[in-house]
Amino acid sequence: MRFELLALYAGPDQVMTVTSGLASVLGLLLIFWNKVVGIFFKVVRKFSRAGTPAAVDTPKDSPKGTP
């Protein structure tokens, strides 16, 4: 038997601890999902925006003022 491979063994006591930690992190993420998505889109908008907004062209036949 190769004893080096025995060092890679993860028993149920180690695996259950890791999966419990992952489940708690996932649970917190799901509780605050709306906030997480909002922050994500704020960051994306910040990096994807152009320097200045484009000017909006008005049609030539639109009324200029109120009657």
N, C-alpha and C. Protein backbone atom coordinates (compact mmCIF):
# COMPACT_ATOMS: atom_id res chain seq x y z
N MET A 1 0.84 -1.18 0.00
CA MET A 1 0.00 0.00 0.00
C MET A 1 0.89 1.25 0.00
N ARG A 2 0.46 2.25 -0.75
CA ARG A 2 1.22 3.50 -0.82
C ARG A 2 0.72 4.45 0.27
N PHE A 3 1.56 4.80 1.17
CA PHE A 3 1.17 5.64 2.31
C PHE A 3 1.03 7.12 1.93
N GLU A 4 1.61 7.52 0.77
CA GLU A 4 1.46 8.91 0.32
C GLU A 4 0.00 9.20 -0.02
N LEU A 5 -0.68 8.22 -0.59
CA LEU A 5 -2.09 8.41 -0.94
C LEU A 5 -2.97 8.48 0.30
N LEU A 6 -2.53 7.87 1.38
CA LEU A 6 -3.30 7.92 2.62
C LEU A 6 -3.36 9.34 3.18
N ALA A 7 -2.37 10.16 2.87
CA ALA A 7 -2.36 11.55 3.33
C ALA A 7 -3.43 12.37 2.63
N LEU A 8 -3.88 11.94 1.46
CA LEU A 8 -4.90 12.66 0.71
C LEU A 8 -6.32 12.27 1.12
N TYR A 9 -6.44 11.32 2.02
CA TYR A 9 -7.76 10.86 2.45
C TYR A 9 -8.47 11.95 3.25
N ALA A 10 -9.71 12.21 2.91
CA ALA A 10 -10.55 13.15 3.66
C ALA A 10 -11.73 12.36 4.20
N GLY A 11 -11.75 12.20 5.48
CA GLY A 11 -12.82 11.45 6.12
C GLY A 11 -14.08 12.28 6.25
N PRO A 12 -15.15 11.64 6.71
CA PRO A 12 -16.42 12.35 6.84
C PRO A 12 -16.35 13.53 7.82
N ASP A 13 -15.51 13.45 8.81
CA ASP A 13 -15.42 14.55 9.76
C ASP A 13 -14.84 15.81 9.12
N GLN A 14 -13.90 15.66 8.17
CA GLN A 14 -13.38 16.83 7.47
C GLN A 14 -14.34 17.32 6.39
N VAL A 15 -14.92 16.40 5.66
CA VAL A 15 -15.79 16.78 4.55
C VAL A 15 -17.05 17.47 5.05
N MET A 16 -17.65 16.96 6.12
CA MET A 16 -18.88 17.56 6.64
C MET A 16 -18.62 18.98 7.18
N THR A 17 -17.46 19.23 7.73
CA THR A 17 -17.13 20.57 8.21
C THR A 17 -17.02 21.55 7.06
N VAL A 18 -16.37 21.14 6.01
CA VAL A 18 -16.19 22.01 4.85
C VAL A 18 -17.53 22.28 4.17
N THR A 19 -18.34 21.23 3.97
CA THR A 19 -19.63 21.43 3.31
C THR A 19 -20.58 22.26 4.17
N SER A 20 -20.49 22.15 5.47
CA SER A 20 -21.31 22.97 6.36
C SER A 20 -20.92 24.44 6.23
N GLY A 21 -19.64 24.71 6.15
CA GLY A 21 -19.19 26.09 5.96
C GLY A 21 -19.63 26.65 4.62
N LEU A 22 -19.51 25.85 3.57
CA LEU A 22 -19.97 26.31 2.25
C LEU A 22 -21.47 26.57 2.23
N ALA A 23 -22.23 25.72 2.91
CA ALA A 23 -23.68 25.90 2.95
C ALA A 23 -24.06 27.17 3.70
N SER A 24 -23.33 27.50 4.75
CA SER A 24 -23.65 28.72 5.49
C SER A 24 -23.31 29.97 4.67
N VAL A 25 -22.21 29.94 3.93
CA VAL A 25 -21.86 31.06 3.07
C VAL A 25 -22.89 31.21 1.95
N LEU A 26 -23.31 30.11 1.36
CA LEU A 26 -24.33 30.15 0.31
C LEU A 26 -25.66 30.66 0.86
N GLY A 27 -26.00 30.26 2.07
CA GLY A 27 -27.24 30.74 2.69
C GLY A 27 -27.22 32.24 2.91
N LEU A 28 -26.11 32.77 3.40
CA LEU A 28 -26.00 34.22 3.58
C LEU A 28 -26.08 34.95 2.24
N LEU A 29 -25.46 34.38 1.23
CA LEU A 29 -25.52 34.98 -0.10
C LEU A 29 -26.95 35.03 -0.61
N LEU A 30 -27.71 33.96 -0.38
CA LEU A 30 -29.09 33.93 -0.85
C LEU A 30 -29.99 34.86 -0.05
N ILE A 31 -29.70 35.05 1.23
CA ILE A 31 -30.51 35.97 2.04
C ILE A 31 -30.36 37.40 1.52
N PHE A 32 -29.13 37.79 1.19
CA PHE A 32 -28.86 39.15 0.74
C PHE A 32 -28.66 39.21 -0.77
N TRP A 33 -29.33 38.34 -1.52
CA TRP A 33 -29.12 38.25 -2.97
C TRP A 33 -29.43 39.56 -3.68
N ASN A 34 -30.50 40.24 -3.27
CA ASN A 34 -30.90 41.49 -3.93
C ASN A 34 -29.80 42.54 -3.78
N LYS A 35 -29.22 42.63 -2.60
CA LYS A 35 -28.14 43.60 -2.37
C LYS A 35 -26.89 43.22 -3.15
N VAL A 36 -26.57 41.93 -3.21
CA VAL A 36 -25.38 41.47 -3.94
C VAL A 36 -25.50 41.80 -5.42
N VAL A 37 -26.67 41.55 -6.00
CA VAL A 37 -26.88 41.84 -7.42
C VAL A 37 -26.83 43.34 -7.67
N GLY A 38 -27.41 44.14 -6.77
CA GLY A 38 -27.36 45.59 -6.92
C GLY A 38 -25.94 46.13 -6.91
N ILE A 39 -25.13 45.64 -5.99
CA ILE A 39 -23.73 46.08 -5.93
C ILE A 39 -22.97 45.63 -7.18
N PHE A 40 -23.26 44.42 -7.65
CA PHE A 40 -22.60 43.92 -8.86
C PHE A 40 -22.90 44.82 -10.05
N PHE A 41 -24.18 45.20 -10.23
CA PHE A 41 -24.54 46.03 -11.37
C PHE A 41 -24.01 47.45 -11.23
N LYS A 42 -23.89 47.97 -10.01
CA LYS A 42 -23.27 49.28 -9.83
C LYS A 42 -21.83 49.26 -10.28
N VAL A 43 -21.10 48.21 -9.93
CA VAL A 43 -19.70 48.09 -10.33
C VAL A 43 -19.59 47.95 -11.84
N VAL A 44 -20.46 47.14 -12.43
CA VAL A 44 -20.42 46.94 -13.89
C VAL A 44 -20.73 48.25 -14.60
N ARG A 45 -21.75 48.99 -14.12
CA ARG A 45 -22.10 50.26 -14.75
C ARG A 45 -20.97 51.27 -14.62
N LYS A 46 -20.27 51.25 -13.52
CA LYS A 46 -19.18 52.20 -13.31
C LYS A 46 -18.06 51.99 -14.31
N PHE A 47 -17.75 50.74 -14.62
CA PHE A 47 -16.66 50.44 -15.53
C PHE A 47 -17.08 50.43 -17.00
N SER A 48 -18.37 50.29 -17.29
CA SER A 48 -18.79 50.17 -18.68
C SER A 48 -19.31 51.48 -19.26
N ARG A 49 -19.49 52.49 -18.45
CA ARG A 49 -20.00 53.78 -18.96
C ARG A 49 -18.94 54.52 -19.74
N ALA A 50 -19.42 55.28 -20.73
CA ALA A 50 -18.53 56.15 -21.48
C ALA A 50 -18.28 57.41 -20.64
N GLY A 51 -17.28 58.21 -21.01
CA GLY A 51 -16.94 59.40 -20.25
C GLY A 51 -18.06 60.42 -20.20
N THR A 52 -18.68 60.70 -21.34
CA THR A 52 -19.77 61.68 -21.38
C THR A 52 -20.98 61.03 -22.03
N PRO A 53 -22.18 61.35 -21.58
CA PRO A 53 -23.37 60.78 -22.20
C PRO A 53 -23.59 61.38 -23.59
N ALA A 54 -24.17 60.59 -24.47
CA ALA A 54 -24.43 61.05 -25.83
C ALA A 54 -25.59 62.04 -25.83
N ALA A 55 -25.53 63.04 -26.72
CA ALA A 55 -26.60 64.03 -26.83
C ALA A 55 -27.80 63.40 -27.51
N VAL A 56 -28.98 63.78 -27.05
CA VAL A 56 -30.21 63.26 -27.63
C VAL A 56 -30.65 64.21 -28.72
N ASP A 57 -30.84 63.70 -29.93
CA ASP A 57 -31.29 64.52 -31.04
C ASP A 57 -32.80 64.63 -31.01
N THR A 58 -33.31 65.87 -31.15
CA THR A 58 -34.76 66.08 -31.21
C THR A 58 -35.16 66.18 -32.67
N PRO A 59 -36.34 65.65 -33.00
CA PRO A 59 -36.80 65.76 -34.39
C PRO A 59 -37.04 67.23 -34.77
N LYS A 60 -36.91 67.54 -36.07
CA LYS A 60 -37.03 68.93 -36.55
C LYS A 60 -38.47 69.44 -36.45
N ASP A 61 -39.44 68.56 -36.56
CA ASP A 61 -40.83 69.01 -36.55
C ASP A 61 -41.46 68.99 -35.15
N SER A 62 -40.69 68.85 -34.10
CA SER A 62 -41.25 68.83 -32.75
C SER A 62 -41.50 70.26 -32.29
N PRO A 63 -42.51 70.48 -31.46
CA PRO A 63 -42.80 71.84 -30.97
C PRO A 63 -41.68 72.35 -30.06
N LYS A 64 -41.33 73.61 -30.18
CA LYS A 64 -40.22 74.18 -29.44
C LYS A 64 -40.63 74.62 -28.03
N GLY A 65 -41.87 75.00 -27.84
CA GLY A 65 -42.29 75.48 -26.54
C GLY A 65 -43.73 75.12 -26.27
N THR A 66 -44.26 75.64 -25.19
CA THR A 66 -45.65 75.38 -24.87
C THR A 66 -46.53 76.44 -25.50
N PRO A 67 -47.72 76.09 -26.01
CA PRO A 67 -48.60 77.10 -26.65
C PRO A 67 -49.26 78.00 -25.66
